[in-house]
C-alpha cells in the first residue's frame, strides 16, 4: 500500500512550470506498464524517476523519493512531474 505526500507550494510551482499537478502525477503509479529507475541527481537522498500513464491518459515523468513508514506503508513524496521528452515517450511505448 502507498501513501503520497508533497509540498503544496512545490506542486503549484510545478503546475505553473510544467502544466502538471501532483494530484494527477500520483496516478501514474496505477499504470501496470510504468517504468522506474533510480535518479542519481541528489547526493542527499535516494530519488527515483518513473514514467507512466496518468488517469487522464497523459504520459508523465515523475521524480520522487520513497520510504517505508512505521505502519509498513510506502510513502512516496513527489518532487516534480512533467511531460516526457520524445525519446522518453518512445522508450516507454517500446517497453524499454
N, C-alpha and C. Protein backbone atom coordinates (compact mmCIF):
# COMPACT_ATOMS: atom_id res chain seq x y z
N UNK A 1 0.84 -1.18 0.00
CA UNK A 1 0.00 0.00 0.00
C UNK A 1 0.89 1.24 0.00
N UNK A 2 0.45 2.27 -0.71
CA UNK A 2 1.24 3.51 -0.82
C UNK A 2 0.45 4.70 -0.29
N UNK A 3 1.18 5.59 0.32
CA UNK A 3 0.66 6.91 0.66
C UNK A 3 1.48 7.91 -0.13
N UNK A 4 0.91 9.07 -0.39
CA UNK A 4 1.60 10.10 -1.16
C UNK A 4 1.65 11.39 -0.37
N UNK A 5 2.72 12.13 -0.60
CA UNK A 5 2.91 13.41 0.06
C UNK A 5 3.65 14.33 -0.89
N UNK A 6 3.46 15.63 -0.72
CA UNK A 6 4.21 16.62 -1.48
C UNK A 6 4.02 17.98 -0.82
N UNK A 7 4.88 18.87 -1.19
CA UNK A 7 4.81 20.26 -0.72
C UNK A 7 3.80 20.99 -1.61
N UNK A 8 2.71 21.52 -1.05
CA UNK A 8 1.70 22.21 -1.87
C UNK A 8 2.27 23.38 -2.67
N UNK A 9 3.22 24.11 -2.10
CA UNK A 9 3.83 25.23 -2.84
C UNK A 9 4.63 24.71 -4.02
N UNK A 10 5.31 23.58 -3.84
CA UNK A 10 6.09 22.97 -4.92
C UNK A 10 5.15 22.46 -6.02
N UNK A 11 4.02 21.90 -5.62
CA UNK A 11 3.03 21.43 -6.60
C UNK A 11 2.50 22.59 -7.43
N UNK A 12 2.21 23.71 -6.78
CA UNK A 12 1.71 24.89 -7.51
C UNK A 12 2.77 25.42 -8.47
N UNK A 13 4.01 25.45 -8.02
CA UNK A 13 5.11 25.89 -8.88
C UNK A 13 5.28 24.94 -10.07
N UNK A 14 5.18 23.64 -9.82
CA UNK A 14 5.30 22.64 -10.88
C UNK A 14 4.17 22.80 -11.90
N UNK A 15 2.97 23.09 -11.41
CA UNK A 15 1.82 23.29 -12.30
C UNK A 15 2.06 24.48 -13.22
N UNK A 16 2.60 25.56 -12.67
CA UNK A 16 2.89 26.74 -13.49
C UNK A 16 4.00 26.44 -14.50
N UNK A 17 5.03 25.73 -14.07
CA UNK A 17 6.20 25.49 -14.92
C UNK A 17 5.96 24.40 -15.96
N UNK A 18 5.34 23.28 -15.54
CA UNK A 18 5.21 22.12 -16.42
C UNK A 18 3.77 21.78 -16.81
N UNK A 19 2.79 22.47 -16.20
CA UNK A 19 1.40 22.18 -16.51
C UNK A 19 0.89 20.88 -15.92
N UNK A 20 1.57 20.38 -14.88
CA UNK A 20 1.19 19.10 -14.27
C UNK A 20 1.03 19.29 -12.77
N UNK A 21 -0.15 18.93 -12.25
CA UNK A 21 -0.43 18.98 -10.82
C UNK A 21 -0.01 17.65 -10.19
N UNK A 22 0.51 17.71 -8.97
CA UNK A 22 0.96 16.49 -8.30
C UNK A 22 -0.19 15.52 -8.01
N UNK A 23 -1.42 16.03 -7.84
CA UNK A 23 -2.57 15.13 -7.63
C UNK A 23 -2.75 14.22 -8.84
N UNK A 24 -2.55 14.77 -10.03
CA UNK A 24 -2.61 13.96 -11.24
C UNK A 24 -1.37 13.07 -11.35
N UNK A 25 -0.21 13.63 -11.03
CA UNK A 25 1.05 12.89 -11.17
C UNK A 25 1.04 11.60 -10.37
N UNK A 26 0.44 11.60 -9.20
CA UNK A 26 0.46 10.39 -8.37
C UNK A 26 -0.30 9.23 -9.01
N UNK A 27 -1.18 9.54 -9.96
CA UNK A 27 -1.96 8.47 -10.58
C UNK A 27 -1.14 7.61 -11.54
N UNK A 28 0.08 8.04 -11.90
CA UNK A 28 0.91 7.19 -12.77
C UNK A 28 1.28 5.89 -12.07
N UNK A 29 1.25 5.88 -10.74
CA UNK A 29 1.64 4.68 -10.01
C UNK A 29 0.60 3.56 -10.13
N UNK A 30 -0.54 3.86 -10.73
CA UNK A 30 -1.54 2.85 -11.03
C UNK A 30 -1.37 2.22 -12.40
N UNK A 31 -0.42 2.70 -13.18
CA UNK A 31 -0.17 2.19 -14.53
C UNK A 31 0.61 0.88 -14.43
N UNK A 32 0.03 -0.19 -14.92
CA UNK A 32 0.69 -1.50 -14.88
C UNK A 32 1.96 -1.54 -15.72
N UNK A 33 2.10 -0.63 -16.68
CA UNK A 33 3.27 -0.62 -17.56
C UNK A 33 4.31 0.42 -17.16
N UNK A 34 4.14 1.03 -15.99
CA UNK A 34 5.09 2.08 -15.59
C UNK A 34 6.52 1.53 -15.53
N UNK A 35 7.46 2.43 -15.69
CA UNK A 35 8.88 2.08 -15.66
C UNK A 35 9.57 3.02 -14.69
N UNK A 36 10.33 2.46 -13.75
CA UNK A 36 11.02 3.26 -12.72
C UNK A 36 12.51 2.97 -12.73
N UNK A 37 13.29 4.04 -12.56
CA UNK A 37 14.75 3.89 -12.46
C UNK A 37 15.26 4.81 -11.35
N UNK A 38 16.37 4.42 -10.70
CA UNK A 38 16.97 5.33 -9.72
C UNK A 38 17.45 6.60 -10.42
N UNK A 39 17.30 7.72 -9.74
CA UNK A 39 17.73 9.01 -10.26
C UNK A 39 18.90 9.48 -9.42
N UNK A 40 20.08 9.54 -9.99
CA UNK A 40 21.29 9.87 -9.26
C UNK A 40 21.56 11.34 -9.10
N UNK A 41 20.55 12.21 -9.29
CA UNK A 41 20.78 13.66 -9.24
C UNK A 41 20.98 14.22 -7.84
N UNK A 42 20.59 13.48 -6.81
CA UNK A 42 20.69 14.00 -5.44
C UNK A 42 21.74 13.24 -4.65
N UNK A 43 22.59 13.98 -3.97
CA UNK A 43 23.58 13.33 -3.12
C UNK A 43 23.06 13.17 -1.69
N UNK A 44 21.88 13.72 -1.38
CA UNK A 44 21.35 13.71 -0.02
C UNK A 44 20.29 12.65 0.24
N UNK A 45 19.62 12.20 -0.82
CA UNK A 45 18.55 11.22 -0.64
C UNK A 45 18.43 10.37 -1.90
N UNK A 46 17.85 9.20 -1.74
CA UNK A 46 17.63 8.32 -2.89
C UNK A 46 16.37 8.78 -3.62
N UNK A 47 16.54 9.13 -4.89
CA UNK A 47 15.42 9.58 -5.71
C UNK A 47 15.17 8.59 -6.83
N UNK A 48 13.94 8.59 -7.29
CA UNK A 48 13.50 7.71 -8.37
C UNK A 48 12.80 8.55 -9.43
N UNK A 49 12.85 8.06 -10.66
CA UNK A 49 12.11 8.65 -11.77
C UNK A 49 11.25 7.56 -12.38
N UNK A 50 9.97 7.86 -12.53
CA UNK A 50 9.02 6.91 -13.10
C UNK A 50 8.31 7.55 -14.27
N UNK A 51 8.11 6.77 -15.32
CA UNK A 51 7.28 7.22 -16.44
C UNK A 51 6.08 6.28 -16.51
N UNK A 52 4.90 6.89 -16.66
CA UNK A 52 3.70 6.09 -16.72
C UNK A 52 2.52 6.92 -17.18
N UNK A 53 1.42 6.24 -17.42
CA UNK A 53 0.21 6.91 -17.89
C UNK A 53 -0.64 7.31 -16.69
N UNK A 54 -1.01 8.58 -16.65
CA UNK A 54 -1.87 9.10 -15.58
C UNK A 54 -3.32 8.71 -15.87
N UNK A 55 -4.18 8.92 -14.90
CA UNK A 55 -5.59 8.51 -15.05
C UNK A 55 -6.31 9.23 -16.17
N UNK A 56 -5.80 10.40 -16.60
CA UNK A 56 -6.44 11.12 -17.70
C UNK A 56 -5.86 10.73 -19.06
N UNK A 57 -4.94 9.75 -19.09
CA UNK A 57 -4.36 9.27 -20.34
C UNK A 57 -3.05 9.93 -20.73
N UNK A 58 -2.65 10.99 -20.02
CA UNK A 58 -1.38 11.64 -20.32
C UNK A 58 -0.22 10.77 -19.85
N UNK A 59 0.84 10.77 -20.62
CA UNK A 59 2.07 10.12 -20.20
C UNK A 59 2.87 11.16 -19.42
N UNK A 60 3.32 10.79 -18.21
CA UNK A 60 4.04 11.72 -17.34
C UNK A 60 5.31 11.09 -16.79
N UNK A 61 6.30 11.95 -16.53
CA UNK A 61 7.53 11.56 -15.85
C UNK A 61 7.47 12.17 -14.46
N UNK A 62 7.62 11.34 -13.43
CA UNK A 62 7.51 11.79 -12.04
C UNK A 62 8.80 11.47 -11.31
N UNK A 63 9.36 12.48 -10.64
CA UNK A 63 10.54 12.31 -9.80
C UNK A 63 10.06 12.31 -8.35
N UNK A 64 10.59 11.38 -7.53
CA UNK A 64 10.10 11.24 -6.16
C UNK A 64 11.11 10.53 -5.27
N UNK A 65 10.86 10.59 -3.97
CA UNK A 65 11.58 9.78 -3.00
C UNK A 65 10.58 8.78 -2.45
N UNK A 66 11.09 7.72 -1.85
CA UNK A 66 10.18 6.77 -1.20
C UNK A 66 10.82 6.26 0.08
N UNK A 67 9.97 5.98 1.03
CA UNK A 67 10.43 5.43 2.30
C UNK A 67 9.32 4.58 2.90
N UNK A 68 9.71 3.66 3.76
CA UNK A 68 8.72 2.83 4.44
C UNK A 68 8.35 3.51 5.75
N UNK A 69 7.06 3.61 6.01
CA UNK A 69 6.59 4.24 7.24
C UNK A 69 6.55 3.21 8.37
N UNK A 70 6.37 3.69 9.58
CA UNK A 70 6.29 2.80 10.75
C UNK A 70 5.12 1.83 10.62
N UNK A 71 4.07 2.24 9.92
CA UNK A 71 2.92 1.37 9.73
C UNK A 71 3.08 0.36 8.61
N UNK A 72 4.25 0.34 7.99
CA UNK A 72 4.50 -0.62 6.92
C UNK A 72 4.08 -0.15 5.54
N UNK A 73 3.61 1.08 5.44
CA UNK A 73 3.23 1.63 4.15
C UNK A 73 4.44 2.25 3.47
N UNK A 74 4.39 2.31 2.15
CA UNK A 74 5.42 3.03 1.41
C UNK A 74 4.93 4.46 1.21
N UNK A 75 5.75 5.42 1.63
CA UNK A 75 5.43 6.83 1.46
C UNK A 75 6.19 7.35 0.25
N UNK A 76 5.46 7.82 -0.74
CA UNK A 76 6.06 8.40 -1.94
C UNK A 76 5.88 9.91 -1.85
N UNK A 77 7.01 10.61 -1.87
CA UNK A 77 6.99 12.08 -1.81
C UNK A 77 7.33 12.60 -3.20
N UNK A 78 6.35 13.20 -3.87
CA UNK A 78 6.53 13.70 -5.23
C UNK A 78 7.36 14.97 -5.19
N UNK A 79 8.39 15.02 -6.05
CA UNK A 79 9.29 16.16 -6.14
C UNK A 79 8.99 16.99 -7.38
N UNK A 80 8.76 16.32 -8.51
CA UNK A 80 8.44 17.03 -9.75
C UNK A 80 7.69 16.10 -10.69
N UNK A 81 7.01 16.69 -11.65
CA UNK A 81 6.29 15.93 -12.67
C UNK A 81 6.23 16.77 -13.94
N UNK A 82 6.38 16.08 -15.06
CA UNK A 82 6.40 16.78 -16.35
C UNK A 82 5.99 15.81 -17.45
N UNK A 83 5.77 16.38 -18.62
CA UNK A 83 5.52 15.55 -19.80
C UNK A 83 6.85 14.97 -20.26
N UNK A 84 6.84 13.79 -20.87
CA UNK A 84 8.10 13.16 -21.29
C UNK A 84 8.69 13.82 -22.53
N UNK A 85 9.99 13.64 -22.69
CA UNK A 85 10.65 14.04 -23.93
C UNK A 85 10.24 13.04 -25.00
N UNK A 86 10.43 13.38 -26.28
CA UNK A 86 10.12 12.41 -27.34
C UNK A 86 10.86 11.08 -27.15
N UNK A 87 12.10 11.13 -26.72
CA UNK A 87 12.87 9.90 -26.50
C UNK A 87 12.30 9.08 -25.34
N UNK A 88 11.92 9.74 -24.25
CA UNK A 88 11.31 9.04 -23.12
C UNK A 88 10.00 8.39 -23.53
N UNK A 89 9.21 9.09 -24.35
CA UNK A 89 7.94 8.54 -24.83
C UNK A 89 8.18 7.29 -25.68
N UNK A 90 9.14 7.37 -26.60
CA UNK A 90 9.46 6.21 -27.45
C UNK A 90 9.89 5.02 -26.61
N UNK A 91 10.75 5.26 -25.62
CA UNK A 91 11.22 4.18 -24.77
C UNK A 91 10.07 3.53 -24.00
N UNK A 92 9.16 4.34 -23.47
CA UNK A 92 8.01 3.82 -22.75
C UNK A 92 7.13 2.99 -23.69
N UNK A 93 6.85 3.55 -24.86
CA UNK A 93 5.96 2.87 -25.81
C UNK A 93 6.56 1.59 -26.36
N UNK A 94 7.91 1.51 -26.39
CA UNK A 94 8.55 0.29 -26.88
C UNK A 94 8.83 -0.70 -25.75
N UNK A 95 8.51 -0.31 -24.51
CA UNK A 95 8.70 -1.21 -23.38
C UNK A 95 10.11 -1.22 -22.82
N UNK A 96 10.93 -0.24 -23.17
CA UNK A 96 12.31 -0.20 -22.66
C UNK A 96 12.38 0.43 -21.29
